Protein backbone atom coordinates (compact mmCIF):
# COMPACT_ATOMS: atom_id res chain seq x y z
CA MET A 1 6.64 102.32 119.40
CA LYS A 2 7.94 98.85 118.70
CA LYS A 3 9.23 100.03 115.40
CA LEU A 4 10.97 102.91 117.06
CA PHE A 5 12.55 100.62 119.72
CA LYS A 6 13.76 98.14 117.10
CA LYS A 7 15.14 100.99 115.09
CA MET A 8 16.97 102.43 118.08
CA SER A 9 18.13 99.00 119.19
CA LYS A 10 19.47 98.36 115.77
CA LYS A 11 21.22 101.68 115.77
CA ILE A 12 22.73 101.11 119.23
CA GLU A 13 23.56 97.39 118.90
CA THR A 14 25.47 97.48 115.69
CA PRO A 15 27.85 100.31 116.46
CA SER A 16 28.29 99.10 120.08
CA PHE A 17 29.37 95.64 118.95
CA ASN A 18 31.82 97.08 116.47
CA LYS A 19 33.41 99.29 119.15
CA ILE A 20 33.86 96.38 121.54
CA SER A 21 35.35 94.25 118.81
CA SER A 22 37.69 97.07 117.92
CA ARG A 23 38.63 97.47 121.56
CA ILE A 24 39.43 93.79 121.89
CA ASP A 25 41.55 93.93 118.78
CA TYR A 26 43.30 97.03 120.03
CA ASP A 27 43.99 95.53 123.44
CA LYS A 28 45.36 92.43 121.73
CA TYR A 29 47.54 94.65 119.57
CA ILE A 30 48.71 96.67 122.54
CA SER A 31 49.44 93.49 124.54
CA GLU A 32 51.44 91.97 121.72
CA LYS A 33 53.28 95.25 121.25
CA HIS A 34 54.13 95.37 124.95
CA LYS A 35 55.31 91.79 124.87
CA SER A 36 57.52 92.59 121.94
CA LYS A 37 58.86 95.69 123.71
CA ARG A 38 59.45 93.78 126.92
CA GLY A 39 61.27 91.11 124.97
CA MET A 40 63.43 93.72 123.34
CA ILE A 41 64.14 95.36 126.71
CA ALA A 42 64.98 91.97 128.21
CA LEU A 43 67.26 91.21 125.28
CA ILE A 44 68.96 94.57 125.52
CA SER A 45 69.26 94.17 129.30
CA SER A 46 70.81 90.73 128.86
CA PHE A 47 73.32 92.13 126.39
CA CYS A 48 74.06 94.98 128.81
CA VAL A 49 74.58 92.60 131.75
CA ILE A 50 76.75 90.29 129.67
CA GLY A 51 78.64 93.30 128.35
CA ALA A 52 79.10 94.70 131.85
CA ILE A 53 80.34 91.33 133.12
CA ALA A 54 82.64 90.99 130.14
CA LEU A 55 83.88 94.55 130.63
CA THR A 56 84.42 93.84 134.34
CA PHE A 57 86.44 90.73 133.54
CA LEU A 58 88.31 92.62 130.82
CA ILE A 59 89.15 95.57 133.05
CA ASP A 60 90.08 93.18 135.88
CA TYR A 61 92.23 91.09 133.54
CA TYR A 62 94.18 94.01 132.12
CA GLY A 63 94.35 95.71 135.52
CA VAL A 64 95.78 92.56 137.14
CA LYS A 65 98.04 91.97 134.13
CA SER A 66 99.40 95.52 134.41
CA TYR A 67 99.91 95.11 138.16
CA ASN A 68 101.62 91.73 137.76
CA GLU A 69 103.88 93.16 135.06
CA ARG A 70 104.97 95.83 137.53
CA ILE A 71 105.50 93.14 140.16
CA ASP A 72 107.44 91.04 137.67
CA LYS A 73 109.66 93.99 136.77
CA TYR A 74 110.07 94.78 140.47
CA ASN A 75 110.95 91.16 141.26
CA ARG A 76 113.39 90.82 138.39
CA GLU A 77 115.17 93.90 139.58
CA TYR A 78 115.02 92.58 143.15
CA TYR A 79 116.59 89.24 142.29
CA SER A 80 119.10 90.55 139.77
CA GLN A 81 120.84 92.95 142.17
CA THR A 82 123.56 91.93 144.58
CA GLN A 83 123.99 95.30 146.26
CA LEU A 84 121.45 97.82 147.51
CA GLU A 85 121.73 101.01 149.50
CA LEU A 86 120.45 101.04 153.07
CA LYS A 87 118.14 104.03 153.44
CA GLN A 88 116.18 105.34 156.38
CA VAL A 89 112.40 105.07 156.30
CA SER A 90 109.85 107.08 158.26
CA SER A 91 106.68 105.01 157.93
CA LEU A 92 105.24 101.63 157.01
CA GLU A 93 104.15 103.04 153.65
CA GLU A 94 107.78 103.26 152.55
CA ILE A 95 108.35 99.59 153.19
CA ASN A 96 107.82 97.17 150.34
CA PRO A 97 105.01 99.19 148.67
CA LEU A 98 104.12 96.47 146.17
CA LYS A 99 104.32 93.72 148.81
CA LEU A 100 106.07 91.49 146.24
CA THR A 101 102.79 89.60 145.74
CA TYR A 102 101.21 88.65 142.43
CA LYS A 103 97.44 89.15 142.05
CA LYS A 104 94.94 86.71 140.52
CA THR A 105 92.27 87.75 138.05
CA LEU A 106 88.59 87.55 138.97
CA GLY A 107 88.24 84.55 136.67
CA GLU A 108 91.11 82.74 138.40
CA ARG A 109 89.63 83.48 141.83
CA ILE A 110 86.24 82.13 140.75
CA LYS A 111 87.92 79.06 139.29
CA ASP A 112 89.86 78.53 142.52
CA SER A 113 86.63 78.72 144.54
CA PHE A 114 85.31 75.71 142.63
CA SER A 115 88.57 73.78 142.86
CA PHE A 116 88.59 70.99 145.44
CA LYS A 117 91.95 69.45 144.60
CA GLY A 118 94.21 68.44 147.47
CA ASN A 119 93.23 69.02 151.07
CA GLY A 120 92.03 72.58 150.58
CA LEU A 121 94.85 74.05 152.69
CA GLY A 122 97.10 75.12 149.84
CA ASN A 123 100.86 75.45 150.36
CA ILE A 124 101.71 76.09 153.97
CA ILE A 125 105.07 77.78 154.47
CA ILE A 126 106.45 77.46 157.93
CA GLU A 127 108.44 80.00 158.04
CA GLU A 128 117.87 80.88 166.80
CA SER A 129 142.86 93.74 186.39
CA THR A 130 145.00 93.29 189.05
CA SER A 131 148.66 92.43 189.29
CA SER A 132 147.75 89.00 190.60
CA ILE A 133 145.83 88.06 187.46
CA ILE A 134 147.46 85.29 185.47
CA SER A 135 148.15 86.31 181.88
CA PRO A 136 147.37 83.93 179.03
CA GLY A 137 150.57 82.23 177.99
CA SER A 138 152.20 78.92 177.16
CA SER A 139 151.16 77.44 180.52
CA ASN A 140 147.63 78.85 180.67
CA SER A 141 144.50 78.78 178.56
CA PHE A 142 141.38 80.45 179.87
CA GLU A 143 140.06 82.53 177.01
CA THR A 144 136.76 81.59 175.34
CA ASN A 145 137.11 79.88 171.97
CA GLU A 146 135.98 82.71 169.66
CA GLN A 147 135.78 83.30 165.92
CA VAL A 148 137.72 86.58 165.59
CA LYS A 149 140.66 87.48 167.79
CA GLY A 150 139.92 90.60 169.83
CA ILE A 151 136.16 90.28 169.39
CA ASN A 152 134.74 88.75 172.57
CA GLU A 153 131.67 86.50 172.50
CA ALA A 154 129.29 85.99 175.41
CA ASP A 155 129.28 82.63 177.18
CA VAL A 156 127.79 80.94 180.25
CA SER A 157 131.19 80.93 181.97
CA LYS A 158 134.31 83.12 181.90
CA CYS A 159 137.74 83.17 183.53
CA ASP A 160 140.04 86.20 183.90
CA GLY A 161 143.01 84.32 185.39
CA LYS A 162 142.03 85.23 188.94
CA TYR A 163 138.38 84.21 189.24
CA ILE A 164 136.01 81.88 187.45
CA TYR A 165 132.52 83.21 186.83
CA THR A 166 129.61 80.91 186.00
CA LEU A 167 125.91 81.17 185.24
CA ASN A 168 124.01 78.08 186.32
CA SER A 169 120.40 77.01 186.17
CA ASP A 170 119.75 78.47 189.63
CA SER A 171 122.52 80.99 190.41
CA PHE A 172 125.46 83.17 189.42
CA THR A 173 128.68 82.04 191.11
CA ILE A 174 132.22 83.40 191.39
CA TYR A 175 135.03 81.00 192.37
CA SER A 176 138.62 81.73 193.35
CA LEU A 177 141.34 79.60 191.76
CA ALA A 178 141.56 77.82 195.12
CA GLY A 179 138.06 76.56 194.43
CA ASN A 180 136.37 78.69 197.08
CA VAL A 181 132.97 80.23 196.45
CA ILE A 182 133.39 84.01 196.66
CA VAL A 183 129.88 84.98 195.58
CA ARG A 184 126.75 82.96 194.94
CA ASN A 185 123.75 85.01 193.86
CA LYS A 186 120.55 83.04 193.40
CA ASP A 187 118.70 86.02 191.89
CA ILE A 188 120.68 85.74 188.66
CA ASP A 189 120.05 82.57 186.67
CA LEU A 190 119.69 81.21 183.17
CA THR A 191 115.92 81.62 183.14
CA THR A 192 116.52 85.39 182.96
CA TYR A 193 120.12 85.74 181.80
CA SER A 194 121.84 83.75 179.09
CA ALA A 195 125.55 84.66 179.00
CA MET A 196 128.24 87.03 180.26
CA TYR A 197 131.43 89.01 179.60
CA ILE A 198 134.24 90.16 181.88
CA HIS A 199 135.43 93.73 181.27
CA ASN A 200 138.11 95.04 183.62
CA GLU A 201 136.50 94.86 187.07
CA ASP A 202 132.98 94.61 185.69
CA ILE A 203 130.84 91.58 184.97
CA ILE A 204 128.39 92.09 182.10
CA ILE A 205 125.51 89.65 182.32
CA VAL A 206 123.43 89.59 179.16
CA GLY A 207 119.80 88.60 179.53
CA LYS A 208 116.76 87.98 177.38
CA LYS A 209 115.24 91.36 178.22
CA GLN A 210 118.02 93.28 179.94
CA THR A 211 121.77 93.50 180.53
CA THR A 212 123.06 93.99 184.07
CA ILE A 213 126.54 95.31 184.78
CA LEU A 214 128.00 94.25 188.12
CA GLU A 215 131.00 95.81 189.83
CA PHE A 216 133.16 93.24 191.57
CA ALA A 217 135.89 94.48 193.93
CA ASN A 218 137.32 93.26 197.24
CA GLY A 219 135.04 90.26 197.17
CA LEU A 220 131.93 92.44 197.01
CA LEU A 221 129.38 92.46 194.22
CA ASN A 222 127.26 95.52 193.43
CA ILE A 223 124.89 96.34 190.59
CA ALA A 224 126.30 99.27 188.63
CA THR A 225 123.48 99.62 186.11
CA THR A 226 120.78 97.74 184.24
CA PHE A 227 119.93 98.30 180.62
CA GLU A 228 116.57 97.07 179.28
CA TYR A 229 115.50 96.17 175.75
CA SER A 230 112.87 94.16 173.91
CA SER A 231 114.39 90.78 173.04
CA TYR A 232 118.04 89.66 172.97
CA ILE A 233 119.44 88.09 169.77
CA ASP A 234 123.25 88.22 170.02
CA SER A 235 126.15 90.41 171.15
CA ARG A 236 129.88 91.12 171.02
CA VAL A 237 132.39 93.15 173.03
CA LYS A 238 135.22 95.04 171.38
CA GLY A 239 137.40 97.26 173.55
CA ASP A 240 135.24 99.38 175.83
CA TYR A 241 132.00 98.80 173.92
CA LEU A 242 129.25 96.23 174.14
CA TYR A 243 127.37 95.71 170.88
CA LEU A 244 123.88 94.28 171.33
CA ILE A 245 121.61 92.93 168.61
CA THR A 246 118.03 92.94 169.84
CA SER A 247 114.65 92.42 168.22
CA LEU A 248 111.85 94.97 168.51
CA GLY A 249 109.45 92.41 167.07
CA SER A 250 107.16 92.77 164.05
CA LEU A 251 106.85 96.01 162.08
CA GLY A 252 103.76 97.16 163.96
CA SER A 253 103.50 100.95 163.69
CA ASP A 254 105.08 103.90 161.91
CA GLU A 255 106.83 104.86 165.14
CA LYS A 256 108.53 101.47 165.43
CA VAL A 257 110.01 101.59 161.92
CA LYS A 258 110.82 105.30 161.93
CA ASP A 259 114.48 106.00 161.11
CA ALA A 260 115.15 102.30 160.52
CA TYR A 261 117.48 101.35 157.68
CA TYR A 262 115.94 99.32 154.87
CA ASP A 263 117.26 98.15 151.49
CA GLY A 264 114.08 99.17 149.66
CA TYR A 265 113.29 95.76 148.19
CA SER A 266 113.31 92.97 150.72
CA THR A 267 110.20 91.46 152.24
CA VAL A 268 110.70 92.29 155.91
CA ASP A 269 108.86 91.32 159.07
CA THR A 270 111.24 92.21 161.92
CA VAL A 271 112.72 95.40 163.34
CA TYR A 272 116.24 94.87 164.70
CA SER A 273 117.97 97.26 167.04
CA ILE A 274 121.78 97.54 166.99
CA ILE A 275 123.05 99.12 170.21
CA LYS A 276 126.56 100.37 170.92
CA TYR A 277 126.92 100.57 174.69
CA ASN A 278 129.83 102.40 176.36
CA LEU A 279 131.06 100.24 179.25
CA ASN A 280 132.80 103.17 180.93
CA ASP A 281 130.05 105.78 181.21
CA TYR A 282 127.00 103.59 180.40
CA THR A 283 125.83 105.77 177.52
CA TYR A 284 124.72 104.29 174.23
CA THR A 285 123.82 104.95 170.62
CA GLU A 286 121.32 102.94 168.63
CA THR A 287 120.23 102.29 165.07
CA LYS A 288 117.53 100.09 163.56
CA ASN A 289 117.55 97.64 160.68
CA LEU A 290 114.53 96.16 158.92
CA ASN A 291 115.11 92.56 157.98
CA LYS A 292 113.58 89.12 157.72
CA GLY A 293 113.62 86.13 160.05
CA THR A 294 116.31 85.40 162.62
CA ALA A 295 119.55 87.29 162.08
CA LYS A 296 122.97 85.61 162.20
CA LEU A 297 125.67 87.94 163.49
CA TYR A 298 129.19 88.09 162.10
CA PHE A 299 131.38 90.74 163.73
CA SER A 300 134.73 91.67 162.17
CA GLU A 301 137.30 94.19 163.36
CA ASN A 302 135.60 96.88 161.28
CA HIS A 303 132.02 95.93 160.51
CA ILE A 304 128.79 94.39 161.79
CA TYR A 305 127.06 91.91 159.47
CA LEU A 306 123.48 90.76 159.96
CA ALA A 307 122.59 87.85 157.68
CA THR A 308 119.06 86.53 157.30
CA ASN A 309 117.80 83.68 155.14
CA VAL A 310 114.59 84.57 153.30
CA PHE A 311 112.31 81.84 151.96
CA VAL A 312 111.40 82.40 148.31
CA PRO A 313 107.75 81.52 147.56
CA SER A 314 107.15 79.26 144.57
CA THR A 315 105.85 82.25 142.59
CA TYR A 316 109.32 83.74 142.52
CA LYS A 317 111.49 80.66 142.18
CA GLU A 318 111.57 81.02 138.40
CA LEU A 319 113.06 84.45 138.90
CA SER A 320 115.48 83.61 141.70
CA LYS A 321 116.31 79.99 140.85
CA THR A 322 116.53 79.23 144.56
CA ASN A 323 114.50 78.34 147.65
CA PHE A 324 116.29 80.93 149.75
CA ILE A 325 118.16 84.17 149.35
CA SER A 326 120.50 85.65 151.94
CA ILE A 327 120.28 89.33 152.81
CA LEU A 328 123.41 90.73 154.43
CA SER A 329 123.00 94.15 156.04
CA ILE A 330 126.33 95.83 156.80
CA PHE A 331 127.06 98.59 159.35
CA ASP A 332 130.36 100.04 160.54
CA LEU A 333 131.26 100.09 164.23
CA GLU A 334 129.80 103.61 164.57
CA LEU A 335 126.48 102.06 163.45
CA LYS A 336 126.51 103.89 160.13
CA PRO A 337 124.91 101.89 157.30
CA ILE A 338 127.17 100.61 154.54
CA ALA A 339 124.86 98.63 152.24
CA ALA A 340 122.92 95.40 151.88
CA LEU A 341 124.19 92.45 149.86
CA ARG A 342 121.91 89.83 148.37
CA LEU A 343 123.04 86.31 147.50
CA LYS A 344 121.33 83.22 146.16
CA GLY A 345 121.13 80.50 148.78
CA SER A 346 121.26 80.46 152.56
CA VAL A 347 124.02 81.23 155.08
CA LEU A 348 124.70 78.43 157.57
CA ASN A 349 126.12 80.40 160.53
CA GLN A 350 128.62 83.09 161.55
CA PHE A 351 131.57 81.01 160.30
CA SER A 352 130.17 81.20 156.76
CA MET A 353 131.24 84.87 156.65
CA ASP A 354 134.69 86.39 156.84
CA GLU A 355 136.29 89.80 156.29
CA TYR A 356 139.91 89.77 155.14
CA ASN A 357 142.19 92.32 153.47
CA GLY A 358 139.32 94.55 152.39
CA TYR A 359 137.07 91.77 151.10
CA ILE A 360 134.03 90.00 152.50
CA ARG A 361 133.86 86.27 151.66
CA ILE A 362 130.53 84.44 152.06
CA VAL A 363 129.65 80.75 151.67
CA THR A 364 126.04 79.89 150.75
CA THR A 365 123.96 76.83 149.89
CA ASN A 366 121.32 76.98 147.15
CA GLN A 367 118.94 74.04 147.72
CA SER A 368 117.42 74.61 144.27
CA GLY A 369 120.74 74.40 142.48
CA THR A 370 121.59 71.54 140.17
CA GLU A 371 123.94 68.77 141.24
CA ASN A 372 127.49 69.97 141.94
CA HIS A 373 126.21 73.57 141.76
CA MET A 374 124.44 73.88 145.11
CA ASN A 375 127.19 75.55 147.15
CA ALA A 376 129.10 78.72 146.38
CA ILE A 377 131.65 81.15 147.76
CA SER A 378 131.25 84.80 146.78
CA ILE A 379 133.85 87.54 147.28
CA PHE A 380 132.92 91.24 147.46
CA ASP A 381 135.24 94.25 147.46
CA LEU A 382 134.30 96.21 150.60
CA SER A 383 135.38 99.53 149.06
CA THR A 384 132.94 99.20 146.15
CA LEU A 385 130.70 96.36 147.40
CA LYS A 386 130.95 94.83 143.94
CA LEU A 387 131.12 91.08 143.41
CA VAL A 388 134.71 90.44 142.27
CA GLY A 389 134.93 86.66 142.41
CA GLN A 390 132.73 83.61 142.77
CA LEU A 391 133.00 79.83 142.69
CA ASN A 392 129.66 78.02 142.42
CA GLU A 393 130.66 74.67 140.97
CA GLY A 394 132.34 71.62 142.45
CA ILE A 395 131.89 72.42 146.16
CA GLY A 396 130.05 69.25 147.12
CA ILE A 397 129.18 66.05 145.29
CA GLY A 398 125.67 65.65 143.94
CA ARG A 399 123.26 67.42 146.28
CA GLN A 400 125.53 67.81 149.30
CA THR A 401 125.02 70.91 151.43
CA VAL A 402 127.44 72.93 153.56
CA LYS A 403 127.87 71.63 157.12
CA SER A 404 130.81 73.74 158.33
CA VAL A 405 133.13 76.51 157.13
CA ARG A 406 136.42 77.89 158.36
CA PHE A 407 138.44 80.75 156.85
CA SER A 408 142.16 81.04 157.48
CA GLY A 409 143.85 83.89 155.64
CA ASP A 410 143.80 83.13 151.91
CA THR A 411 142.38 79.66 152.54
CA CYS A 412 138.83 78.50 153.10
CA TYR A 413 137.79 75.04 154.31
CA ILE A 414 134.28 73.80 153.60
CA VAL A 415 132.67 70.54 154.67
CA THR A 416 129.65 69.32 152.69
CA TYR A 417 127.51 66.29 153.39
CA GLU A 418 124.80 64.04 152.02
CA ASN A 419 126.24 60.56 152.49
CA LYS A 420 129.97 61.35 152.65
CA ASP A 421 132.07 64.10 154.19
CA PRO A 422 134.20 65.87 151.59
CA LEU A 423 136.46 68.47 153.17
CA TYR A 424 137.30 71.06 150.50
CA GLU A 425 140.30 73.36 150.63
CA LEU A 426 139.88 76.55 148.58
CA ASP A 427 142.59 78.98 147.56
CA LEU A 428 141.30 82.57 147.77
CA SER A 429 144.60 84.36 147.13
CA ASP A 430 143.27 85.53 143.75
CA VAL A 431 139.98 87.09 144.83
CA THR A 432 138.73 87.21 141.26
CA SER A 433 139.20 83.49 140.76
CA PRO A 434 138.76 81.33 143.89
CA ARG A 435 139.63 77.71 143.19
CA ILE A 436 139.43 74.29 144.83
CA VAL A 437 142.91 73.05 145.77
CA SER A 438 141.95 69.63 147.08
CA SER A 439 139.20 67.59 148.70
CA TYR A 440 139.13 64.68 151.10
CA ALA A 441 136.09 62.43 151.64
CA ALA A 442 135.34 60.57 154.87
CA PRO A 443 132.29 59.07 156.58
CA GLY A 444 129.99 61.49 158.42
CA TYR A 445 130.74 65.20 158.55
CA SER A 446 132.36 67.86 160.71
CA SER A 447 130.07 70.56 162.10
CA TYR A 448 133.00 72.62 163.42
CA LEU A 449 136.49 73.19 161.98
CA HIS A 450 139.50 74.69 163.76
CA ASN A 451 142.95 75.63 162.43
CA PHE A 452 146.10 75.07 164.48
CA THR A 453 149.85 75.06 163.91
CA ILE A 454 152.43 72.54 165.18
CA ASN A 455 156.14 73.18 164.55
CA GLY A 456 155.33 75.61 161.75
CA GLU A 457 153.04 73.13 159.96
CA LYS A 458 149.36 73.89 159.45
CA TYR A 459 146.67 71.45 160.60
CA LEU A 460 142.94 71.36 161.01
CA PHE A 461 140.68 69.40 163.33
CA GLY A 462 136.97 68.81 162.90
CA VAL A 463 134.27 67.85 165.40
CA GLY A 464 131.15 66.21 164.02
CA VAL A 465 129.21 62.98 163.68
CA LEU A 466 129.50 59.69 161.85
CA ASP A 467 126.98 58.56 159.25
CA ASP A 468 124.79 57.19 162.03
CA GLN A 469 124.17 60.85 163.01
CA THR A 470 124.61 59.78 166.63
CA SER A 471 128.28 58.98 167.31
CA ILE A 472 130.51 62.02 167.89
CA LYS A 473 133.82 62.01 166.02
CA VAL A 474 137.03 64.07 166.04
CA SER A 475 139.21 64.14 162.92
CA VAL A 476 142.61 65.71 162.18
CA TYR A 477 143.79 66.90 158.75
CA LYS A 478 147.08 68.22 157.47
CA ASP A 479 147.02 71.36 155.35
CA ASP A 480 149.65 70.45 152.77
CA ASP A 481 149.67 70.50 148.98
CA GLU A 482 146.65 68.27 149.44
CA THR A 483 144.45 68.31 152.51
CA THR A 484 144.48 64.76 153.88
CA GLN A 485 143.41 63.14 157.11
CA ILE A 486 146.16 61.97 159.41
CA GLY A 487 145.44 59.11 161.78
CA SER A 488 141.93 57.81 162.31
CA ASP A 489 138.77 59.34 163.71
CA PHE A 490 138.42 59.27 167.48
CA VAL A 491 134.78 58.32 168.10
CA PHE A 492 132.44 58.55 171.09
CA TYR A 493 129.90 55.76 170.53
CA PRO A 494 126.59 55.70 172.44
CA TYR A 495 126.19 52.36 174.21
CA TYR A 496 122.78 51.64 172.65
CA PHE A 497 124.21 51.99 169.15
CA PHE A 498 127.33 49.93 169.66
CA GLU A 499 127.51 46.60 167.83
CA GLY A 500 130.52 44.45 168.55
CA GLU A 501 134.16 45.33 167.99
CA LYS A 502 135.13 48.21 165.72
CA GLU A 503 138.47 49.34 164.40
CA ASN A 504 139.73 52.36 166.35
CA ILE A 505 136.77 51.96 168.64
CA GLY A 506 137.34 55.16 170.56
CA ILE A 507 135.06 55.13 173.61
CA VAL A 508 131.66 53.59 174.27
CA ILE A 509 129.65 56.05 176.37
CA ASN A 510 127.20 54.62 178.92
CA ASP A 511 125.38 57.91 179.19
CA THR A 512 123.48 60.40 177.04
CA LEU A 513 125.77 62.24 174.64
CA ASN A 514 125.84 66.03 174.92
CA TYR A 515 125.56 67.35 171.36
CA GLN A 516 126.14 70.94 172.45
CA VAL A 517 129.79 70.36 171.54
CA LEU A 518 128.70 70.03 167.90
CA ASN A 519 126.94 73.35 167.56
CA ASN A 520 128.58 75.61 170.14
CA HIS A 521 132.24 76.32 169.49
CA LYS A 522 132.48 78.12 172.86
CA ALA A 523 131.92 74.77 174.62
CA LEU A 524 135.35 73.52 173.44
CA PHE A 525 138.60 73.80 175.43
CA ILE A 526 141.60 74.16 173.07
CA LYS A 527 145.19 74.33 174.26
CA GLU A 528 148.22 74.28 171.96
CA ASP A 529 151.36 73.14 173.75
CA GLY A 530 154.47 72.80 171.61
CA ASP A 531 153.98 69.76 169.39
CA THR A 532 150.67 68.80 171.00
CA LEU A 533 147.13 70.12 171.04
CA PHE A 534 144.69 69.34 173.84
CA LEU A 535 140.98 69.35 173.05
CA GLY A 536 138.43 69.32 175.87
CA MET A 537 134.71 68.54 175.49
CA GLY A 538 131.81 67.82 177.81
CA VAL A 539 130.74 64.83 175.73
CA THR A 540 128.14 63.80 178.31
CA LEU A 541 126.42 65.73 181.09
CA ASN A 542 128.38 63.78 183.72
CA GLU A 543 131.82 63.35 182.15
CA TYR A 544 134.40 65.66 180.64
CA PHE A 545 136.97 64.34 178.15
CA ILE A 546 140.31 65.80 177.14
CA LEU A 547 141.86 64.42 173.99
CA LYS A 548 145.53 64.68 173.11
CA ILE A 549 146.33 65.39 169.46
CA SER A 550 149.93 64.59 168.59
CA VAL A 551 150.56 64.78 164.84
CA THR A 552 153.89 62.94 164.99
CA GLU A 553 152.63 59.82 166.74
CA GLU A 554 151.04 56.74 165.17
CA ASN A 555 147.84 57.25 167.16
CA VAL A 556 147.24 60.89 166.37
CA ILE A 557 144.27 61.26 168.74
CA THR A 558 144.30 59.61 172.14
CA LEU A 559 142.34 59.99 175.36
CA TYR A 560 144.29 62.17 177.81
CA LYS A 561 141.80 62.60 180.66
CA ARG A 562 138.32 61.33 181.52
CA ILE A 563 136.89 63.36 184.38
CA SER A 564 133.73 62.47 186.27
CA LEU A 565 131.64 65.56 186.99
CA LYS A 566 129.37 63.96 189.61
CA SER A 567 126.45 66.20 188.67
CA ASN A 568 124.59 67.57 185.66
CA PHE A 569 127.14 69.73 183.77
CA ALA A 570 124.95 70.82 180.89
CA TYR A 571 127.01 74.02 180.55
CA SER A 572 130.48 72.66 181.33
CA ARG A 573 133.50 74.79 180.42
CA CYS A 574 137.19 74.09 181.03
CA TYR A 575 140.09 76.46 181.88
CA LEU A 576 143.80 75.87 182.46
CA CYS A 577 145.60 78.04 185.04
CA ASN A 578 149.02 77.24 186.52
CA GLY A 579 148.90 73.57 185.62
CA LYS A 580 145.38 72.97 186.91
CA LEU A 581 142.18 72.28 185.03
CA TYR A 582 139.02 74.00 186.23
CA ILE A 583 135.77 72.54 184.93
CA THR A 584 132.59 74.43 185.65
CA GLY A 585 129.16 72.89 185.92
CA ASP A 586 125.78 73.23 187.50
CA GLY A 587 126.74 74.92 190.77
CA THR A 588 129.97 72.91 191.10
CA LEU A 589 133.64 73.41 190.20
CA ILE A 590 135.96 70.46 189.52
CA ILE A 591 139.74 70.98 189.87
CA GLU A 592 142.17 68.48 188.31
CA GLU A 593 145.90 68.47 187.71
CA MET A 594 146.76 68.86 184.05
């Protein structure tokens, strides 16, 4: 039995051990094989992930490159054109489809996320009739000082030769020429309404959100109609029509931009409404313009011009060579679109634009221009809207910018300033080759220029500030072969700035100066009388000054009248009727003999 057991044990033990050993070896083999396979899979997976990432970056790079090339082409076309057609759009999708924005690649975005240079804010861009009526004539002057003859501009006060109408901080008042108050309505004030017109027997009071037309007859005042809108920008009256420029705000919805006129390229953020309102039957027509920023209105006898200054982001400066471009949308008086003009540089104000003999002349300042090349005048043929002439060199010394412009027929006067006041006279008689005739440099600068004629000779006066940027000055120039100043500046010095005696001291003012006279041409009273011109200004809130300009006398500018207003006359205006001066103010009327 033992022998049999040993024999069986031997038979079982030996093969059993060999099988286990083989199994261990096999498992070891399988394990190593799996490790090798897993390593291969991991390696392949790594290559796949790296490849996918690389492919993602590659696709992103070429996709962004292709997009940016389209943007670049779009931008180059945008900045190279001076004229574009105004077309109607029906939805937001038709506006600026490429958004004029370059994209960054994924790699650049990742790099930016790890960049901690600067303050982390990046570039912040911070992106205004009866038979008894006295007719204007040699003895009277009661019309508002306006840019274009026959195109009326709204103001806080008006005179029709029979009554004086004023808007004050707390009321609307009508005075007779005897100084009596005919009407005082405390429901109409400057917190709601900003300016007015007089049209026949109607008073048109323009407000921030609405225009009210009042009928005034037999001493009675009645509301004829009220017209509402979104937000008032500017206006003009020509003949029997009131033209209103209002803002409908940001683009918003498809409905807001529907049927608006757009040049197809500009980056826009505002919908403007241009309204032509019939003052006889109170009907109106309207059109819309898509534009950028705050529009500056120039209104000629034939066209409406809306100019906006558009900031050029640094991305595009290499293409445009400027910090700003000016977009000028043009409509005729029936509100039909003409075109949009694009110029390098910014437009200062309405006086920077002028239509004359079938041409539009525009003065711009390019802050990115090189020295002596910052300011330009461009002339376009209105029949073709092609640029026919331009002068972009020599208007200004160094980096001087435009401070005031005045056109007079074939002549243009431009004042530039940085630390001196060169007044440039340009000859525009050859529209293809405008040229500088002369220049005259003086301290400070003029912010407003006005042409006048004495005994057939042409002159120019300017109102501005001295180099101290505080004292108000008046200067007179003769328009001869060379534009030169005649006489000395007449200066209003603030008392706190005055230091001892000065040559041609002018007047030391013991009150706060009213700088409205520098930026509102409608605040000036101007009366030409033979060989003399009278210039009236509310230089302070409590005093009104009338200067006498006599070009044949040694002292060209002298003080003619100094009138105490006895109250706050922030919106003072002056009129001359039958030898008497009428000066309006805050609820008060001053009458003085001329």
